[in-house]
């Protein structure tokens, strides 16, 4: 011998008490080194039940994805998206639109509010008009009924106040509930 000792055969412990000879294996599997850092799927060997039990004892049981939780979160997201679309369409297309065009003839007893209402031809509408003073206190409020077949109505409404207002606004306009038809009593 020339003073060199033979290289030991590479071994790997697979199971407790068993040894496997690795001298004929290549890094990366049977087709050579992995390409692009990927392992050849054909080189993977399924684990036996004993191997799985050993891995569970050593590293703890495998964590599983909470499928039920993922489905529930997905449903909540879909429901929220549907509600947002519905609310956006409703806000973009309300049944009644209004715009305060101004106010005039301001006195200590009244003010004239001018506003435009756009509605459906067959709807009756009730708009709430409010006046406020310098201290932002309400000094007048009224519900103004608007009816008729017109779809666009310009309104000039004289609002009674208890003090001189500094601002007037139309708080809301809503479709009035239908009134029951009154007829002659039968009998």
C-alpha atoms as a PDB file:
ATOM      1  CA  UNK A   1       0.000   0.000   0.000  1.00  0.00           C
ATOM      2  CA  UNK A   2       1.160   3.489  -0.754  1.00  0.00           C
ATOM      3  CA  UNK A   3       0.053   4.951   2.576  1.00  0.00           C
ATOM      4  CA  UNK A   4      -3.413   5.913   1.453  1.00  0.00           C
ATOM      5  CA  UNK A   5      -6.305   4.352   3.157  1.00  0.00           C
ATOM      6  CA  UNK A   6      -9.340   3.342   1.136  1.00  0.00           C
ATOM      7  CA  UNK A   7     -12.304   5.725   1.256  1.00  0.00           C
ATOM      8  CA  UNK A   8     -15.177   4.501   3.327  1.00  0.00           C
ATOM      9  CA  UNK A   9     -18.454   3.756   1.573  1.00  0.00           C
ATOM     10  CA  UNK A  10     -21.063   6.504   2.121  1.00  0.00           C
ATOM     11  CA  UNK A  11     -23.942   5.290   4.232  1.00  0.00           C
ATOM     12  CA  UNK A  12     -27.180   6.806   5.394  1.00  0.00           C
ATOM     13  CA  UNK A  13     -29.419   5.682   8.196  1.00  0.00           C
ATOM     14  CA  UNK A  14     -32.955   5.392   6.787  1.00  0.00           C
ATOM     15  CA  UNK A  15     -34.695   3.495   9.543  1.00  0.00           C
ATOM     16  CA  UNK A  16     -33.570   2.773  13.045  1.00  0.00           C
ATOM     17  CA  UNK A  17     -31.197  -0.166  12.742  1.00  0.00           C
ATOM     18  CA  UNK A  18     -30.920  -0.177   8.913  1.00  0.00           C
ATOM     19  CA  UNK A  19     -28.137   1.171   6.697  1.00  0.00           C
ATOM     20  CA  UNK A  20     -28.338   1.977   2.995  1.00  0.00           C
ATOM     21  CA  UNK A  21     -25.362   2.107   0.655  1.00  0.00           C
ATOM     22  CA  UNK A  22     -25.248   5.497  -1.111  1.00  0.00           C
ATOM     23  CA  UNK A  23     -22.116   4.880  -3.169  1.00  0.00           C
ATOM     24  CA  UNK A  24     -24.067   4.393  -6.399  1.00  0.00           C
ATOM     25  CA  UNK A  25     -26.362   7.410  -6.068  1.00  0.00           C
ATOM     26  CA  UNK A  26     -25.892  10.762  -7.702  1.00  0.00           C
ATOM     27  CA  UNK A  27     -26.744  14.131  -6.279  1.00  0.00           C
ATOM     28  CA  UNK A  28     -30.031  15.110  -7.859  1.00  0.00           C
ATOM     29  CA  UNK A  29     -31.448  11.678  -8.517  1.00  0.00           C
ATOM     30  CA  UNK A  30     -31.145   9.191 -11.357  1.00  0.00           C
ATOM     31  CA  UNK A  31     -30.998  11.806 -14.133  1.00  0.00           C
ATOM     32  CA  UNK A  32     -28.068  13.791 -12.803  1.00  0.00           C
ATOM     33  CA  UNK A  33     -28.138  17.106 -10.963  1.00  0.00           C
ATOM     34  CA  UNK A  34     -31.446  18.964 -10.752  1.00  0.00           C
ATOM     35  CA  UNK A  35     -32.079  21.520 -13.465  1.00  0.00           C
ATOM     36  CA  UNK A  36     -33.107  25.039 -12.438  1.00  0.00           C
ATOM     37  CA  UNK A  37     -33.128  23.937  -8.803  1.00  0.00           C
ATOM     38  CA  UNK A  38     -36.056  21.564  -9.344  1.00  0.00           C
ATOM     39  CA  UNK A  39     -36.115  17.969  -8.200  1.00  0.00           C
ATOM     40  CA  UNK A  40     -37.190  15.376 -10.714  1.00  0.00           C
ATOM     41  CA  UNK A  41     -40.697  14.250  -9.639  1.00  0.00           C
ATOM     42  CA  UNK A  42     -39.957  10.711 -10.875  1.00  0.00           C
ATOM     43  CA  UNK A  43     -37.089  10.492  -8.358  1.00  0.00           C
ATOM     44  CA  UNK A  44     -39.442  10.973  -5.402  1.00  0.00           C
ATOM     45  CA  UNK A  45     -40.357   7.837  -3.517  1.00  0.00           C
ATOM     46  CA  UNK A  46     -43.552   7.755  -1.452  1.00  0.00           C
ATOM     47  CA  UNK A  47     -43.044   7.340   2.277  1.00  0.00           C
ATOM     48  CA  UNK A  48     -44.264   4.261   4.062  1.00  0.00           C
ATOM     49  CA  UNK A  49     -46.488   4.390   7.114  1.00  0.00           C
ATOM     50  CA  UNK A  50     -43.495   3.620   9.349  1.00  0.00           C
ATOM     51  CA  UNK A  51     -41.518   6.490   7.841  1.00  0.00           C
ATOM     52  CA  UNK A  52     -44.450   8.858   8.323  1.00  0.00           C
ATOM     53  CA  UNK A  53     -44.781   7.743  11.955  1.00  0.00           C
ATOM     54  CA  UNK A  54     -41.062   8.361  12.504  1.00  0.00           C
ATOM     55  CA  UNK A  55     -41.321  11.840  10.975  1.00  0.00           C
ATOM     56  CA  UNK A  56     -44.370  12.596  13.117  1.00  0.00           C
ATOM     57  CA  UNK A  57     -42.517  11.555  16.279  1.00  0.00           C
ATOM     58  CA  UNK A  58     -39.430  13.534  15.338  1.00  0.00           C
ATOM     59  CA  UNK A  59     -40.981  16.747  13.987  1.00  0.00           C
ATOM     60  CA  UNK A  60     -44.580  16.612  15.161  1.00  0.00           C
ATOM     61  CA  UNK A  61     -47.632  15.844  13.058  1.00  0.00           C
ATOM     62  CA  UNK A  62     -47.854  17.440   9.624  1.00  0.00           C
ATOM     63  CA  UNK A  63     -49.803  20.697   9.609  1.00  0.00           C
ATOM     64  CA  UNK A  64     -52.808  20.573   7.378  1.00  0.00           C
ATOM     65  CA  UNK A  65     -54.432  23.546   5.744  1.00  0.00           C
ATOM     66  CA  UNK A  66     -57.739  24.475   7.374  1.00  0.00           C
ATOM     67  CA  UNK A  67     -59.885  23.899   4.283  1.00  0.00           C
ATOM     68  CA  UNK A  68     -63.119  24.802   6.072  1.00  0.00           C
ATOM     69  CA  UNK A  69     -61.645  28.109   7.223  1.00  0.00           C
ATOM     70  CA  UNK A  70     -60.383  28.896   3.719  1.00  0.00           C
ATOM     71  CA  UNK A  71     -63.827  28.169   2.244  1.00  0.00           C
ATOM     72  CA  UNK A  72     -65.536  30.330   4.893  1.00  0.00           C
ATOM     73  CA  UNK A  73     -63.154  33.231   4.282  1.00  0.00           C
ATOM     74  CA  UNK A  74     -63.694  32.885   0.530  1.00  0.00           C
ATOM     75  CA  UNK A  75     -67.467  33.001   0.973  1.00  0.00           C
ATOM     76  CA  UNK A  76     -67.215  36.085   3.186  1.00  0.00           C
ATOM     77  CA  UNK A  77     -65.026  37.817   0.600  1.00  0.00           C
ATOM     78  CA  UNK A  78     -67.467  36.966  -2.208  1.00  0.00           C
ATOM     79  CA  UNK A  79     -70.451  38.166  -0.128  1.00  0.00           C
ATOM     80  CA  UNK A  80     -68.648  41.406   0.755  1.00  0.00           C
ATOM     81  CA  UNK A  81     -67.764  42.031  -2.894  1.00  0.00           C
ATOM     82  CA  UNK A  82     -71.384  41.397  -3.947  1.00  0.00           C
ATOM     83  CA  UNK A  83     -72.655  43.802  -1.289  1.00  0.00           C
ATOM     84  CA  UNK A  84     -70.162  46.480  -2.370  1.00  0.00           C
ATOM     85  CA  UNK A  85     -71.318  46.182  -5.985  1.00  0.00           C
ATOM     86  CA  UNK A  86     -74.978  46.353  -4.943  1.00  0.00           C
ATOM     87  CA  UNK A  87     -74.415  49.342  -2.642  1.00  0.00           C
ATOM     88  CA  UNK A  88     -72.347  51.122  -5.290  1.00  0.00           C
ATOM     89  CA  UNK A  89     -75.029  50.674  -7.931  1.00  0.00           C
ATOM     90  CA  UNK A  90     -77.735  51.842  -5.528  1.00  0.00           C
ATOM     91  CA  UNK A  91     -75.707  54.924  -4.557  1.00  0.00           C
ATOM     92  CA  UNK A  92     -74.923  55.667  -8.190  1.00  0.00           C
ATOM     93  CA  UNK A  93     -78.572  55.343  -9.252  1.00  0.00           C
ATOM     94  CA  UNK A  94     -80.789  56.556  -6.401  1.00  0.00           C
ATOM     95  CA  UNK A  95     -84.554  56.749  -7.028  1.00  0.00           C
ATOM     96  CA  UNK A  96     -84.529  60.494  -6.202  1.00  0.00           C
ATOM     97  CA  UNK A  97     -81.804  63.110  -6.765  1.00  0.00           C
ATOM     98  CA  UNK A  98     -81.800  66.677  -5.522  1.00  0.00           C
ATOM     99  CA  UNK A  99     -79.617  69.737  -5.698  1.00  0.00           C
ATOM    100  CA  UNK A 100     -79.867  72.946  -3.711  1.00  0.00           C
ATOM    101  CA  UNK A 101     -79.509  75.750  -6.243  1.00  0.00           C
ATOM    102  CA  UNK A 102     -79.533  78.542  -3.671  1.00  0.00           C
ATOM    103  CA  UNK A 103     -81.529  80.500  -1.122  1.00  0.00           C
ATOM    104  CA  UNK A 104     -82.756  84.068  -1.075  1.00  0.00           C
ATOM    105  CA  UNK A 105     -85.023  86.586   0.669  1.00  0.00           C
ATOM    106  CA  UNK A 106     -83.395  85.951   4.030  1.00  0.00           C
ATOM    107  CA  UNK A 107     -85.233  87.627   6.938  1.00  0.00           C
ATOM    108  CA  UNK A 108     -85.662  86.987  10.652  1.00  0.00           C
ATOM    109  CA  UNK A 109     -88.938  85.176   9.894  1.00  0.00           C
ATOM    110  CA  UNK A 110     -88.388  83.261   6.622  1.00  0.00           C
ATOM    111  CA  UNK A 111     -86.050  82.265   3.810  1.00  0.00           C
ATOM    112  CA  UNK A 112     -86.761  80.993   0.290  1.00  0.00           C
ATOM    113  CA  UNK A 113     -84.956  77.747  -0.565  1.00  0.00           C
ATOM    114  CA  UNK A 114     -84.517  76.944  -4.266  1.00  0.00           C
ATOM    115  CA  UNK A 115     -83.744  73.376  -5.260  1.00  0.00           C
ATOM    116  CA  UNK A 116     -84.192  70.933  -8.138  1.00  0.00           C
ATOM    117  CA  UNK A 117     -85.548  67.408  -7.725  1.00  0.00           C
ATOM    118  CA  UNK A 118     -85.148  64.636 -10.309  1.00  0.00           C
ATOM    119  CA  UNK A 119     -87.530  61.737  -9.801  1.00  0.00           C
ATOM    120  CA  UNK A 120     -89.513  59.072 -11.611  1.00  0.00           C
ATOM    121  CA  UNK A 121     -92.671  60.394 -13.308  1.00  0.00           C
ATOM    122  CA  UNK A 122     -94.997  58.256 -11.213  1.00  0.00           C
ATOM    123  CA  UNK A 123     -93.342  58.916  -7.819  1.00  0.00           C
ATOM    124  CA  UNK A 124     -94.411  61.424  -5.200  1.00  0.00           C
ATOM    125  CA  UNK A 125     -91.461  62.750  -3.204  1.00  0.00           C
ATOM    126  CA  UNK A 126     -91.011  64.393   0.206  1.00  0.00           C
ATOM    127  CA  UNK A 127     -87.929  66.592   0.722  1.00  0.00           C
ATOM    128  CA  UNK A 128     -86.742  67.821   4.122  1.00  0.00           C
ATOM    129  CA  UNK A 129     -85.421  71.412   4.071  1.00  0.00           C
ATOM    130  CA  UNK A 130     -83.486  72.846   7.013  1.00  0.00           C
ATOM    131  CA  UNK A 131     -82.169  76.312   7.939  1.00  0.00           C
ATOM    132  CA  UNK A 132     -79.354  76.964  10.442  1.00  0.00           C
ATOM    133  CA  UNK A 133     -78.121  80.127  12.126  1.00  0.00           C
ATOM    134  CA  UNK A 134     -74.606  81.469  12.740  1.00  0.00           C
ATOM    135  CA  UNK A 135     -74.107  79.113  15.733  1.00  0.00           C
ATOM    136  CA  UNK A 136     -75.129  76.124  13.576  1.00  0.00           C
ATOM    137  CA  UNK A 137     -78.407  75.776  15.468  1.00  0.00           C
ATOM    138  CA  UNK A 138     -81.474  74.685  13.560  1.00  0.00           C
ATOM    139  CA  UNK A 139     -83.861  77.636  13.149  1.00  0.00           C
ATOM    140  CA  UNK A 140     -86.298  76.089  10.697  1.00  0.00           C
ATOM    141  CA  UNK A 141     -87.263  72.758   9.161  1.00  0.00           C
ATOM    142  CA  UNK A 142     -90.037  71.556   6.876  1.00  0.00           C
ATOM    143  CA  UNK A 143     -91.063  68.519   4.851  1.00  0.00           C
ATOM    144  CA  UNK A 144     -91.887  69.643   1.314  1.00  0.00           C
ATOM    145  CA  UNK A 145     -94.177  67.354  -0.737  1.00  0.00           C
ATOM    146  CA  UNK A 146     -93.442  67.202  -4.468  1.00  0.00           C
ATOM    147  CA  UNK A 147     -95.857  65.435  -6.788  1.00  0.00           C
ATOM    148  CA  UNK A 148     -96.823  65.466 -10.409  1.00  0.00           C
ATOM    149  CA  UNK A 149     -95.855  63.686 -13.604  1.00  0.00           C
ATOM    150  CA  UNK A 150     -92.696  65.761 -14.195  1.00  0.00           C
ATOM    151  CA  UNK A 151     -89.345  64.022 -13.806  1.00  0.00           C
ATOM    152  CA  UNK A 152     -87.461  67.260 -13.109  1.00  0.00           C
ATOM    153  CA  UNK A 153     -89.061  69.759 -10.738  1.00  0.00           C
ATOM    154  CA  UNK A 154     -87.664  73.182  -9.778  1.00  0.00           C
ATOM    155  CA  UNK A 155     -88.899  74.154  -6.317  1.00  0.00           C
ATOM    156  CA  UNK A 156     -88.915  77.550  -4.562  1.00  0.00           C
ATOM    157  CA  UNK A 157     -90.099  76.966  -1.001  1.00  0.00           C
ATOM    158  CA  UNK A 158     -90.597  79.677   1.641  1.00  0.00           C
ATOM    159  CA  UNK A 159     -89.364  78.233   4.951  1.00  0.00           C
ATOM    160  CA  UNK A 160     -90.505  79.821   8.221  1.00  0.00           C
ATOM    161  CA  UNK A 161     -87.673  80.353  10.723  1.00  0.00           C
ATOM    162  CA  UNK A 162     -87.399  81.474  14.359  1.00  0.00           C
ATOM    163  CA  UNK A 163     -84.138  83.432  13.836  1.00  0.00           C
ATOM    164  CA  UNK A 164     -82.131  84.805  10.918  1.00  0.00           C
ATOM    165  CA  UNK A 165     -80.545  81.820   9.056  1.00  0.00           C
ATOM    166  CA  UNK A 166     -77.038  81.814   7.611  1.00  0.00           C
ATOM    167  CA  UNK A 167     -77.392  78.601   5.625  1.00  0.00           C
ATOM    168  CA  UNK A 168     -80.111  76.439   4.107  1.00  0.00           C
ATOM    169  CA  UNK A 169     -79.836  72.832   2.969  1.00  0.00           C
ATOM    170  CA  UNK A 170     -81.960  70.042   1.614  1.00  0.00           C
ATOM    171  CA  UNK A 171     -81.270  67.193   4.014  1.00  0.00           C
ATOM    172  CA  UNK A 172     -82.983  64.420   2.088  1.00  0.00           C
ATOM    173  CA  UNK A 173     -85.567  63.604  -0.528  1.00  0.00           C
ATOM    174  CA  UNK A 174     -87.361  60.269  -0.397  1.00  0.00           C
ATOM    175  CA  UNK A 175     -90.119  58.605  -2.355  1.00  0.00           C
ATOM    176  CA  UNK A 176     -93.327  59.083  -0.378  1.00  0.00           C
ATOM    177  CA  UNK A 177     -95.180  55.940   0.599  1.00  0.00           C
ATOM    178  CA  UNK A 178     -98.333  55.416  -1.454  1.00  0.00           C
ATOM    179  CA  UNK A 179    -101.477  56.757   0.165  1.00  0.00           C
ATOM    180  CA  UNK A 180    -104.492  54.494   0.281  1.00  0.00           C
ATOM    181  CA  UNK A 181    -107.209  55.427  -2.166  1.00  0.00           C
ATOM    182  CA  UNK A 182    -110.196  57.022  -0.475  1.00  0.00           C
ATOM    183  CA  UNK A 183    -113.574  56.293  -1.910  1.00  0.00           C
ATOM    184  CA  UNK A 184    -117.179  56.593  -0.957  1.00  0.00           C
ATOM    185  CA  UNK A 185    -118.196  54.173   1.770  1.00  0.00           C
ATOM    186  CA  UNK A 186    -120.105  51.229   0.439  1.00  0.00           C
ATOM    187  CA  UNK A 187    -123.232  50.235   2.106  1.00  0.00           C
END
